[in-house]
Amino acid sequence: MIFGVAGDLAAQKLLPALYNLACPGRLPESTRIVGFAQRERPIAGA
């Protein structure tokens, strides 16, 4: 569970690290990642 997932730390460090673990199959298939934020995450390119 990630609190503040719309923040800079999540965007710059946490989400890329989780992605890099998930792509080569280093996370168990049953792993679920849930994020919570008080504000919306901006859409890239918008």
N, C-alpha and C. Protein backbone atom coordinates (compact mmCIF):
# COMPACT_ATOMS: atom_id res chain seq x y z
N MET A 1 0.85 -1.15 0.00
CA MET A 1 0.00 0.00 0.00
C MET A 1 0.90 1.23 0.00
N ILE A 2 0.62 2.15 -0.89
CA ILE A 2 1.41 3.37 -0.99
C ILE A 2 0.50 4.55 -0.68
N PHE A 3 0.81 5.26 0.37
CA PHE A 3 0.08 6.48 0.70
C PHE A 3 0.79 7.65 0.04
N GLY A 4 0.03 8.57 -0.54
CA GLY A 4 0.62 9.71 -1.21
C GLY A 4 1.18 9.35 -2.58
N VAL A 5 0.51 8.45 -3.26
CA VAL A 5 1.00 7.95 -4.54
C VAL A 5 1.05 9.02 -5.63
N ALA A 6 0.36 10.12 -5.46
CA ALA A 6 0.39 11.20 -6.45
C ALA A 6 1.59 12.12 -6.26
N GLY A 7 2.37 11.90 -5.23
CA GLY A 7 3.50 12.77 -4.92
C GLY A 7 4.74 12.47 -5.74
N ASP A 8 5.72 13.34 -5.57
CA ASP A 8 6.96 13.27 -6.33
C ASP A 8 7.79 12.03 -5.97
N LEU A 9 7.85 11.66 -4.70
CA LEU A 9 8.63 10.48 -4.30
C LEU A 9 8.10 9.23 -4.98
N ALA A 10 6.80 9.08 -5.00
CA ALA A 10 6.22 7.90 -5.65
C ALA A 10 6.53 7.90 -7.14
N ALA A 11 6.39 9.05 -7.79
CA ALA A 11 6.62 9.13 -9.23
C ALA A 11 8.08 8.93 -9.60
N GLN A 12 8.98 9.45 -8.80
CA GLN A 12 10.41 9.40 -9.13
C GLN A 12 11.11 8.13 -8.67
N LYS A 13 10.65 7.54 -7.57
CA LYS A 13 11.38 6.41 -6.97
C LYS A 13 10.55 5.14 -6.81
N LEU A 14 9.42 5.24 -6.12
CA LEU A 14 8.69 4.03 -5.74
C LEU A 14 8.06 3.31 -6.92
N LEU A 15 7.34 4.03 -7.78
CA LEU A 15 6.66 3.37 -8.90
C LEU A 15 7.66 2.79 -9.92
N PRO A 16 8.71 3.53 -10.29
CA PRO A 16 9.69 2.91 -11.20
C PRO A 16 10.36 1.66 -10.60
N ALA A 17 10.64 1.70 -9.31
CA ALA A 17 11.28 0.54 -8.67
C ALA A 17 10.34 -0.66 -8.67
N LEU A 18 9.06 -0.44 -8.38
CA LEU A 18 8.09 -1.54 -8.41
C LEU A 18 7.91 -2.07 -9.83
N TYR A 19 7.89 -1.18 -10.79
CA TYR A 19 7.78 -1.60 -12.20
C TYR A 19 8.98 -2.46 -12.60
N ASN A 20 10.17 -2.04 -12.20
CA ASN A 20 11.39 -2.79 -12.53
C ASN A 20 11.44 -4.15 -11.86
N LEU A 21 10.77 -4.30 -10.74
CA LEU A 21 10.66 -5.61 -10.09
C LEU A 21 9.60 -6.47 -10.77
N ALA A 22 8.51 -5.85 -11.17
CA ALA A 22 7.39 -6.61 -11.73
C ALA A 22 7.69 -7.12 -13.14
N CYS A 23 8.38 -6.35 -13.96
CA CYS A 23 8.63 -6.75 -15.35
C CYS A 23 9.41 -8.06 -15.48
N PRO A 24 10.52 -8.23 -14.79
CA PRO A 24 11.24 -9.50 -14.95
C PRO A 24 10.67 -10.63 -14.09
N GLY A 25 9.54 -10.40 -13.44
CA GLY A 25 8.91 -11.45 -12.65
C GLY A 25 9.49 -11.65 -11.27
N ARG A 26 10.07 -10.61 -10.70
CA ARG A 26 10.68 -10.73 -9.36
C ARG A 26 9.66 -10.58 -8.24
N LEU A 27 8.44 -10.16 -8.58
CA LEU A 27 7.38 -10.08 -7.58
C LEU A 27 6.46 -11.28 -7.76
N PRO A 28 5.97 -11.83 -6.65
CA PRO A 28 5.03 -12.94 -6.78
C PRO A 28 3.79 -12.50 -7.59
N GLU A 29 3.22 -13.43 -8.33
CA GLU A 29 2.06 -13.11 -9.15
C GLU A 29 0.88 -12.63 -8.32
N SER A 30 0.83 -13.03 -7.07
CA SER A 30 -0.28 -12.63 -6.20
C SER A 30 -0.11 -11.22 -5.62
N THR A 31 1.00 -10.55 -5.93
CA THR A 31 1.25 -9.21 -5.40
C THR A 31 0.25 -8.21 -5.97
N ARG A 32 -0.31 -7.42 -5.10
CA ARG A 32 -1.22 -6.33 -5.49
C ARG A 32 -0.68 -5.05 -4.89
N ILE A 33 -0.65 -4.00 -5.68
CA ILE A 33 -0.17 -2.70 -5.22
C ILE A 33 -1.35 -1.74 -5.25
N VAL A 34 -1.61 -1.12 -4.12
CA VAL A 34 -2.72 -0.18 -3.98
C VAL A 34 -2.16 1.17 -3.58
N GLY A 35 -2.59 2.22 -4.25
CA GLY A 35 -2.12 3.56 -3.92
C GLY A 35 -3.26 4.48 -3.53
N PHE A 36 -2.99 5.35 -2.58
CA PHE A 36 -3.97 6.32 -2.12
C PHE A 36 -3.36 7.71 -2.18
N ALA A 37 -4.18 8.68 -2.54
CA ALA A 37 -3.72 10.06 -2.60
C ALA A 37 -4.89 10.99 -2.30
N GLN A 38 -4.57 12.17 -1.81
CA GLN A 38 -5.61 13.16 -1.54
C GLN A 38 -5.91 14.01 -2.77
N ARG A 39 -4.98 14.02 -3.71
CA ARG A 39 -5.20 14.78 -4.94
C ARG A 39 -5.00 13.87 -6.14
N GLU A 40 -5.53 14.29 -7.28
CA GLU A 40 -5.40 13.48 -8.48
C GLU A 40 -3.98 13.58 -9.03
N ARG A 41 -3.54 12.50 -9.63
CA ARG A 41 -2.24 12.47 -10.28
C ARG A 41 -2.41 13.09 -11.67
N PRO A 42 -1.57 14.07 -12.02
CA PRO A 42 -1.71 14.69 -13.34
C PRO A 42 -1.43 13.69 -14.46
N ILE A 43 -2.13 13.85 -15.57
CA ILE A 43 -1.93 13.00 -16.72
C ILE A 43 -0.80 13.57 -17.56
N ALA A 44 0.20 12.74 -17.85
CA ALA A 44 1.36 13.19 -18.62
C ALA A 44 0.93 13.66 -20.00
N GLY A 45 1.46 14.80 -20.43
CA GLY A 45 1.15 15.33 -21.74
C GLY A 45 -0.12 16.14 -21.81
N ALA A 46 -0.81 16.27 -20.70
CA ALA A 46 -2.09 17.02 -20.71
C ALA A 46 -1.86 18.46 -20.33
